[in-house]
N, C-alpha and C. Protein backbone atom coordinates (compact mmCIF):
# COMPACT_ATOMS: atom_id res chain seq x y z
N UNK A 1 0.81 -1.17 0.00
CA UNK A 1 0.00 0.00 0.00
C UNK A 1 0.87 1.25 0.00
N UNK A 2 0.41 2.20 -0.75
CA UNK A 2 1.15 3.45 -0.87
C UNK A 2 0.39 4.53 -0.11
N UNK A 3 0.90 4.84 1.09
CA UNK A 3 0.25 5.84 1.92
C UNK A 3 0.68 7.27 1.58
N UNK A 4 1.68 7.46 0.77
CA UNK A 4 2.20 8.80 0.46
C UNK A 4 1.77 9.26 -0.94
N UNK A 5 0.62 8.80 -1.40
CA UNK A 5 0.17 9.10 -2.72
C UNK A 5 -0.16 10.60 -2.91
N UNK A 6 -0.66 11.28 -1.98
CA UNK A 6 -1.07 12.67 -2.10
C UNK A 6 0.09 13.64 -1.85
N UNK A 7 1.15 13.16 -1.32
CA UNK A 7 2.27 14.05 -1.02
C UNK A 7 3.19 14.17 -2.23
N UNK A 8 3.63 15.40 -2.46
CA UNK A 8 4.61 15.62 -3.52
C UNK A 8 5.98 15.75 -2.90
N UNK A 9 6.89 15.18 -3.56
CA UNK A 9 8.25 15.24 -3.05
C UNK A 9 8.87 16.59 -3.45
N UNK A 10 9.45 17.33 -2.47
CA UNK A 10 10.04 18.63 -2.75
C UNK A 10 11.40 18.45 -3.40
N UNK A 11 11.70 19.35 -4.37
CA UNK A 11 12.97 19.33 -5.06
C UNK A 11 14.04 19.91 -4.13
N UNK A 12 15.23 19.32 -4.12
CA UNK A 12 16.30 19.90 -3.29
C UNK A 12 16.78 21.22 -3.90
N UNK A 13 17.06 22.19 -3.05
CA UNK A 13 17.51 23.50 -3.50
C UNK A 13 18.90 23.78 -2.94
N UNK A 14 19.66 24.52 -3.70
CA UNK A 14 20.98 24.94 -3.23
C UNK A 14 20.83 26.32 -2.63
N UNK A 15 21.26 26.46 -1.40
CA UNK A 15 21.18 27.75 -0.73
C UNK A 15 22.46 28.53 -1.03
N UNK A 16 22.33 29.65 -1.73
CA UNK A 16 23.48 30.43 -2.16
C UNK A 16 23.96 31.44 -1.12
N UNK A 17 23.20 31.70 -0.10
CA UNK A 17 23.59 32.71 0.88
C UNK A 17 24.89 32.33 1.61
N UNK A 18 25.09 31.10 2.07
CA UNK A 18 26.38 30.78 2.68
C UNK A 18 27.54 30.87 1.68
N UNK A 19 27.28 30.53 0.43
CA UNK A 19 28.32 30.63 -0.59
C UNK A 19 28.73 32.09 -0.82
N UNK A 20 27.77 32.97 -0.87
CA UNK A 20 28.05 34.40 -1.03
C UNK A 20 28.81 34.92 0.18
N UNK A 21 28.45 34.50 1.38
CA UNK A 21 29.15 34.93 2.59
C UNK A 21 30.62 34.50 2.55
N UNK A 22 30.87 33.28 2.13
CA UNK A 22 32.25 32.79 2.06
C UNK A 22 33.04 33.57 1.00
N UNK A 23 32.44 33.84 -0.15
CA UNK A 23 33.12 34.60 -1.19
C UNK A 23 33.42 36.02 -0.74
N UNK A 24 32.53 36.64 0.00
CA UNK A 24 32.79 37.99 0.51
C UNK A 24 33.94 38.00 1.51
N UNK A 25 34.01 36.97 2.36
CA UNK A 25 35.10 36.89 3.32
C UNK A 25 36.44 36.71 2.58
N UNK A 26 36.46 35.88 1.55
CA UNK A 26 37.68 35.68 0.77
C UNK A 26 38.07 36.98 0.06
N UNK A 27 37.10 37.68 -0.49
CA UNK A 27 37.37 38.94 -1.17
C UNK A 27 37.94 39.98 -0.20
N UNK A 28 37.37 40.09 0.97
CA UNK A 28 37.88 41.03 1.97
C UNK A 28 39.29 40.63 2.40
N UNK A 29 39.53 39.35 2.58
CA UNK A 29 40.88 38.88 2.95
C UNK A 29 41.89 39.25 1.88
N UNK A 30 41.56 39.05 0.62
CA UNK A 30 42.48 39.37 -0.47
C UNK A 30 42.73 40.88 -0.55
N UNK A 31 41.70 41.68 -0.33
CA UNK A 31 41.87 43.12 -0.39
C UNK A 31 42.75 43.64 0.75
N UNK A 32 42.63 43.03 1.91
CA UNK A 32 43.41 43.49 3.06
C UNK A 32 44.86 43.04 2.95
N UNK A 33 45.12 41.86 2.45
CA UNK A 33 46.48 41.32 2.43
C UNK A 33 47.26 41.69 1.18
N UNK A 34 46.62 42.28 0.17
CA UNK A 34 47.33 42.64 -1.04
C UNK A 34 48.23 43.84 -0.77
N UNK A 35 49.46 43.75 -1.27
CA UNK A 35 50.37 44.88 -1.13
C UNK A 35 50.30 45.71 -2.39
N UNK A 36 50.09 46.97 -2.21
CA UNK A 36 50.04 47.89 -3.34
C UNK A 36 51.41 48.54 -3.46
N UNK A 37 52.09 48.27 -4.56
CA UNK A 37 53.43 48.82 -4.74
C UNK A 37 53.35 50.11 -5.53
N UNK A 38 54.05 51.09 -5.05
CA UNK A 38 54.11 52.37 -5.74
C UNK A 38 55.44 52.43 -6.47
N UNK A 39 55.37 52.62 -7.77
CA UNK A 39 56.58 52.66 -8.57
C UNK A 39 57.18 54.05 -8.48
N UNK A 40 58.42 54.08 -8.06
CA UNK A 40 59.09 55.37 -7.99
C UNK A 40 59.80 55.61 -9.32
N UNK A 41 59.73 56.82 -9.76
CA UNK A 41 60.35 57.15 -11.02
C UNK A 41 60.77 58.59 -11.04
N UNK A 42 61.46 58.92 -12.04
CA UNK A 42 61.94 60.28 -12.21
C UNK A 42 60.91 61.03 -13.03
N UNK A 43 60.33 62.07 -12.43
CA UNK A 43 59.32 62.85 -13.13
C UNK A 43 59.97 64.10 -13.70
N UNK A 44 59.92 64.19 -15.01
CA UNK A 44 60.47 65.36 -15.70
C UNK A 44 59.37 65.91 -16.60
N UNK A 45 59.03 67.17 -16.40
CA UNK A 45 58.08 67.85 -17.26
C UNK A 45 58.87 68.60 -18.33
N UNK A 46 58.81 68.07 -19.56
CA UNK A 46 59.59 68.66 -20.63
C UNK A 46 58.89 69.91 -21.17
N UNK A 47 59.68 70.89 -21.62
CA UNK A 47 59.06 72.04 -22.27
C UNK A 47 58.47 71.64 -23.61
N UNK A 48 57.57 72.45 -24.14
CA UNK A 48 56.87 72.08 -25.37
C UNK A 48 57.48 72.78 -26.57
N UNK A 49 57.42 72.11 -27.72
CA UNK A 49 57.89 72.67 -28.99
C UNK A 49 57.31 71.83 -30.12
N UNK A 50 57.19 72.45 -31.29
CA UNK A 50 56.70 71.74 -32.47
C UNK A 50 57.83 71.67 -33.49
N UNK A 51 57.89 70.57 -34.21
CA UNK A 51 58.92 70.41 -35.23
C UNK A 51 58.78 69.07 -35.90
N UNK A 52 59.39 68.92 -37.08
CA UNK A 52 59.32 67.63 -37.77
C UNK A 52 60.21 66.60 -37.10
N UNK A 53 59.82 65.33 -37.13
CA UNK A 53 60.67 64.29 -36.55
C UNK A 53 61.92 64.08 -37.40
N UNK A 54 63.02 63.65 -36.79
CA UNK A 54 64.25 63.45 -37.57
C UNK A 54 64.12 62.28 -38.54
N UNK A 55 64.88 62.36 -39.64
CA UNK A 55 64.82 61.33 -40.68
C UNK A 55 65.48 60.04 -40.23
N UNK A 56 66.66 60.09 -39.62
CA UNK A 56 67.34 58.88 -39.16
C UNK A 56 67.72 59.05 -37.69
N UNK A 57 67.90 57.97 -37.01
CA UNK A 57 68.18 57.98 -35.58
C UNK A 57 69.66 57.72 -35.33
N UNK A 58 70.45 58.75 -34.98
CA UNK A 58 71.86 58.52 -34.66
C UNK A 58 71.99 57.96 -33.24
N UNK A 59 73.19 57.57 -32.88
CA UNK A 59 73.44 57.08 -31.52
C UNK A 59 73.21 58.23 -30.56
N UNK A 60 72.56 57.94 -29.44
CA UNK A 60 72.20 59.00 -28.49
C UNK A 60 72.74 58.70 -27.11
N UNK A 61 73.11 59.76 -26.41
CA UNK A 61 73.42 59.69 -24.99
C UNK A 61 72.38 60.55 -24.30
N UNK A 62 71.53 59.94 -23.50
CA UNK A 62 70.44 60.65 -22.85
C UNK A 62 70.92 61.20 -21.51
N UNK A 63 70.81 62.51 -21.35
CA UNK A 63 71.18 63.18 -20.12
C UNK A 63 69.92 63.85 -19.58
N UNK A 64 69.51 63.47 -18.38
CA UNK A 64 68.32 64.03 -17.75
C UNK A 64 68.74 64.97 -16.63
N UNK A 65 68.10 66.13 -16.60
CA UNK A 65 68.34 67.12 -15.55
C UNK A 65 67.02 67.30 -14.82
N UNK A 66 66.99 66.99 -13.53
CA UNK A 66 65.77 67.10 -12.75
C UNK A 66 65.54 68.54 -12.31
N UNK A 67 64.38 68.80 -11.75
CA UNK A 67 64.06 70.14 -11.28
C UNK A 67 64.96 70.57 -10.14
N UNK A 68 65.46 69.61 -9.37
CA UNK A 68 66.35 69.94 -8.26
C UNK A 68 67.80 70.09 -8.69
N UNK A 69 68.12 69.79 -9.96
CA UNK A 69 69.47 69.98 -10.48
C UNK A 69 70.30 68.71 -10.55
N UNK A 70 69.73 67.56 -10.20
CA UNK A 70 70.46 66.29 -10.31
C UNK A 70 70.58 65.91 -11.79
N UNK A 71 71.71 65.30 -12.15
CA UNK A 71 71.97 64.93 -13.53
C UNK A 71 72.11 63.42 -13.62
N UNK A 72 71.41 62.82 -14.59
CA UNK A 72 71.48 61.39 -14.83
C UNK A 72 71.91 61.16 -16.26
N UNK A 73 72.95 60.36 -16.47
CA UNK A 73 73.43 60.02 -17.81
C UNK A 73 73.01 58.59 -18.09
N UNK A 74 72.14 58.42 -19.09
CA UNK A 74 71.55 57.10 -19.40
C UNK A 74 71.00 56.43 -18.15
N UNK A 75 70.24 57.19 -17.35
CA UNK A 75 69.54 56.74 -16.14
C UNK A 75 70.47 56.37 -15.00
N UNK A 76 71.73 56.80 -15.05
CA UNK A 76 72.68 56.56 -13.98
C UNK A 76 73.09 57.93 -13.43
N UNK A 77 73.01 58.08 -12.13
CA UNK A 77 73.32 59.36 -11.51
C UNK A 77 74.77 59.75 -11.77
N UNK A 78 74.97 61.02 -12.15
CA UNK A 78 76.31 61.50 -12.47
C UNK A 78 76.74 62.64 -11.56
N UNK A 79 75.91 63.03 -10.62
CA UNK A 79 76.25 64.12 -9.72
C UNK A 79 75.93 65.47 -10.33
N UNK A 80 76.48 66.53 -9.71
CA UNK A 80 76.20 67.88 -10.20
C UNK A 80 77.46 68.60 -10.69
N UNK A 81 78.61 68.02 -10.47
CA UNK A 81 79.88 68.63 -10.85
C UNK A 81 80.12 68.43 -12.34
N UNK A 82 80.66 69.46 -13.00
CA UNK A 82 80.88 69.41 -14.45
C UNK A 82 81.86 68.30 -14.81
N UNK A 83 82.92 68.12 -14.02
CA UNK A 83 83.90 67.08 -14.32
C UNK A 83 83.30 65.68 -14.16
N UNK A 84 82.46 65.50 -13.15
CA UNK A 84 81.82 64.19 -12.95
C UNK A 84 80.85 63.88 -14.08
N UNK A 85 80.12 64.90 -14.52
CA UNK A 85 79.19 64.71 -15.64
C UNK A 85 79.97 64.39 -16.91
N UNK A 86 81.08 65.10 -17.13
CA UNK A 86 81.91 64.85 -18.32
C UNK A 86 82.48 63.44 -18.31
N UNK A 87 82.92 62.99 -17.13
CA UNK A 87 83.45 61.62 -17.04
C UNK A 87 82.37 60.59 -17.34
N UNK A 88 81.16 60.82 -16.85
CA UNK A 88 80.06 59.89 -17.12
C UNK A 88 79.70 59.89 -18.61
N UNK A 89 79.71 61.05 -19.23
CA UNK A 89 79.40 61.13 -20.67
C UNK A 89 80.49 60.44 -21.48
N UNK A 90 81.77 60.63 -21.11
CA UNK A 90 82.87 59.96 -21.81
C UNK A 90 82.76 58.45 -21.68
N UNK A 91 82.39 57.99 -20.48
CA UNK A 91 82.27 56.55 -20.25
C UNK A 91 81.18 55.95 -21.14
N UNK A 92 80.06 56.65 -21.27
CA UNK A 92 78.98 56.15 -22.12
C UNK A 92 79.34 56.31 -23.60
N UNK A 93 80.03 57.39 -23.96
CA UNK A 93 80.39 57.63 -25.36
C UNK A 93 81.43 56.64 -25.85
N UNK A 94 82.19 56.05 -24.94
CA UNK A 94 83.17 55.05 -25.35
C UNK A 94 82.52 53.81 -25.92
N UNK A 95 81.30 53.49 -25.46
CA UNK A 95 80.58 52.33 -25.96
C UNK A 95 79.84 52.63 -27.26
N UNK A 96 79.53 53.90 -27.50
CA UNK A 96 78.70 54.26 -28.65
C UNK A 96 79.52 54.37 -29.93
N UNK A 97 78.81 54.52 -31.03
CA UNK A 97 79.46 54.70 -32.33
C UNK A 97 80.10 56.08 -32.37
N UNK A 98 80.70 56.41 -33.49
CA UNK A 98 81.40 57.68 -33.61
C UNK A 98 80.45 58.86 -33.47
N UNK A 99 80.88 59.83 -32.70
CA UNK A 99 80.21 61.11 -32.48
C UNK A 99 78.70 60.98 -32.20
N UNK A 100 78.33 60.43 -31.04
CA UNK A 100 76.90 60.33 -30.72
C UNK A 100 76.32 61.71 -30.38
N UNK A 101 75.00 61.78 -30.39
CA UNK A 101 74.29 63.01 -30.06
C UNK A 101 73.94 62.99 -28.58
N UNK A 102 74.24 64.08 -27.88
CA UNK A 102 73.87 64.21 -26.48
C UNK A 102 72.49 64.85 -26.43
N UNK A 103 71.51 64.10 -25.93
CA UNK A 103 70.14 64.58 -25.84
C UNK A 103 69.88 64.99 -24.39
N UNK A 104 69.65 66.27 -24.18
CA UNK A 104 69.42 66.80 -22.84
C UNK A 104 67.92 66.88 -22.60
N UNK A 105 67.45 66.13 -21.61
CA UNK A 105 66.05 66.16 -21.20
C UNK A 105 65.99 66.88 -19.87
N UNK A 106 65.81 68.17 -19.92
CA UNK A 106 65.80 68.98 -18.71
C UNK A 106 64.36 69.25 -18.30
N UNK A 107 64.11 69.18 -17.02
CA UNK A 107 62.81 69.53 -16.48
C UNK A 107 62.53 70.99 -16.79
N UNK A 108 61.27 71.33 -16.98
CA UNK A 108 60.91 72.71 -17.31
C UNK A 108 61.27 73.66 -16.17
N UNK A 109 61.38 73.14 -14.96
CA UNK A 109 61.72 73.98 -13.81
C UNK A 109 63.17 73.85 -13.39
N UNK A 110 63.99 73.18 -14.21
CA UNK A 110 65.42 73.06 -13.91
C UNK A 110 66.08 74.41 -14.13
N UNK A 111 67.13 74.66 -13.36
CA UNK A 111 67.82 75.93 -13.50
C UNK A 111 68.61 75.96 -14.80
N UNK A 112 68.78 77.15 -15.30
CA UNK A 112 69.53 77.35 -16.54
C UNK A 112 70.99 76.94 -16.36
N UNK A 113 71.52 77.17 -15.17
CA UNK A 113 72.93 76.84 -14.89
C UNK A 113 73.18 75.34 -14.98
N UNK A 114 72.24 74.52 -14.51
CA UNK A 114 72.44 73.07 -14.56
C UNK A 114 72.45 72.57 -16.00
N UNK A 115 71.65 73.18 -16.88
CA UNK A 115 71.65 72.79 -18.29
C UNK A 115 72.95 73.24 -18.95
N UNK A 116 73.43 74.43 -18.61
CA UNK A 116 74.70 74.92 -19.15
C UNK A 116 75.85 74.04 -18.68
N UNK A 117 75.79 73.56 -17.43
CA UNK A 117 76.82 72.65 -16.93
C UNK A 117 76.87 71.36 -17.74
N UNK A 118 75.70 70.83 -18.11
CA UNK A 118 75.65 69.62 -18.94
C UNK A 118 76.24 69.90 -20.32
N UNK A 119 75.91 71.04 -20.88
CA UNK A 119 76.47 71.40 -22.20
C UNK A 119 77.98 71.55 -22.13
N UNK A 120 78.47 72.16 -21.05
CA UNK A 120 79.92 72.31 -20.88
C UNK A 120 80.60 70.97 -20.69
N UNK A 121 79.94 70.05 -19.95
CA UNK A 121 80.49 68.72 -19.74
C UNK A 121 80.55 67.95 -21.06
N UNK A 122 79.52 68.10 -21.90
CA UNK A 122 79.54 67.42 -23.20
C UNK A 122 80.65 67.97 -24.07
N UNK A 123 80.89 69.28 -24.00
CA UNK A 123 81.96 69.88 -24.79
C UNK A 123 83.32 69.40 -24.30
N UNK A 124 83.49 69.32 -22.98
CA UNK A 124 84.77 68.84 -22.46
C UNK A 124 84.97 67.35 -22.70
N UNK A 125 83.88 66.62 -22.92
CA UNK A 125 83.98 65.20 -23.26
C UNK A 125 84.29 65.00 -24.74
N UNK A 126 84.29 66.10 -25.51
CA UNK A 126 84.63 66.00 -26.92
C UNK A 126 83.44 65.76 -27.82
N UNK A 127 82.23 65.98 -27.32
CA UNK A 127 81.02 65.76 -28.12
C UNK A 127 80.43 67.12 -28.48
N UNK A 128 80.23 67.33 -29.78
CA UNK A 128 79.75 68.64 -30.23
C UNK A 128 78.28 68.64 -30.63
N UNK A 129 77.70 67.47 -30.83
CA UNK A 129 76.29 67.39 -31.24
C UNK A 129 75.42 67.30 -29.99
N UNK A 130 74.67 68.38 -29.73
CA UNK A 130 73.81 68.44 -28.54
C UNK A 130 72.41 68.77 -29.01
N UNK A 131 71.43 68.08 -28.43
CA UNK A 131 70.04 68.31 -28.76
C UNK A 131 69.24 68.37 -27.46
N UNK A 132 68.08 69.00 -27.53
CA UNK A 132 67.21 69.11 -26.36
C UNK A 132 65.91 68.36 -26.62
N UNK A 133 65.47 67.59 -25.63
CA UNK A 133 64.21 66.85 -25.76
C UNK A 133 63.07 67.75 -25.30
N UNK A 134 61.98 67.73 -26.05
CA UNK A 134 60.78 68.47 -25.70
C UNK A 134 59.59 67.56 -25.87
N UNK A 135 58.44 68.04 -25.45
CA UNK A 135 57.21 67.29 -25.69
C UNK A 135 56.30 68.15 -26.56
N UNK A 136 55.41 67.50 -27.29
CA UNK A 136 54.50 68.24 -28.17
C UNK A 136 53.53 69.05 -27.35
N UNK A 137 53.14 70.20 -27.85
CA UNK A 137 52.22 71.08 -27.13
C UNK A 137 50.77 70.66 -27.32
N UNK A 138 50.52 69.65 -28.11
CA UNK A 138 49.15 69.22 -28.42
C UNK A 138 48.57 68.43 -27.31
């Protein structure tokens, strides 16, 4: 005899609320334990200028002058002294092809004297081709 003829069997259901609670706890744990790394870099605001791009790319020595007057030759600190800058430029120019171009990337707020010191160091290093890096005004 079947005494359960009038009863319907209920379908099993998955309760999502505990699953959502566990996912929220995992998400909060990941947010709290994640380390946010701040990349330090050299910020240089270049002055603006318009002009045609060069036809060919010669060998370059990049010299950066920060707003505080620090000088970096190919991203290596060279100090503030003209002789130290000249020695760093000579060291880099020894690896380059004949007569590379010294590209000065000076911050817009860098002092005029620090840029002149770099130009004097390039001259004492025996390099006569000097160029200045700018950014487009657009």
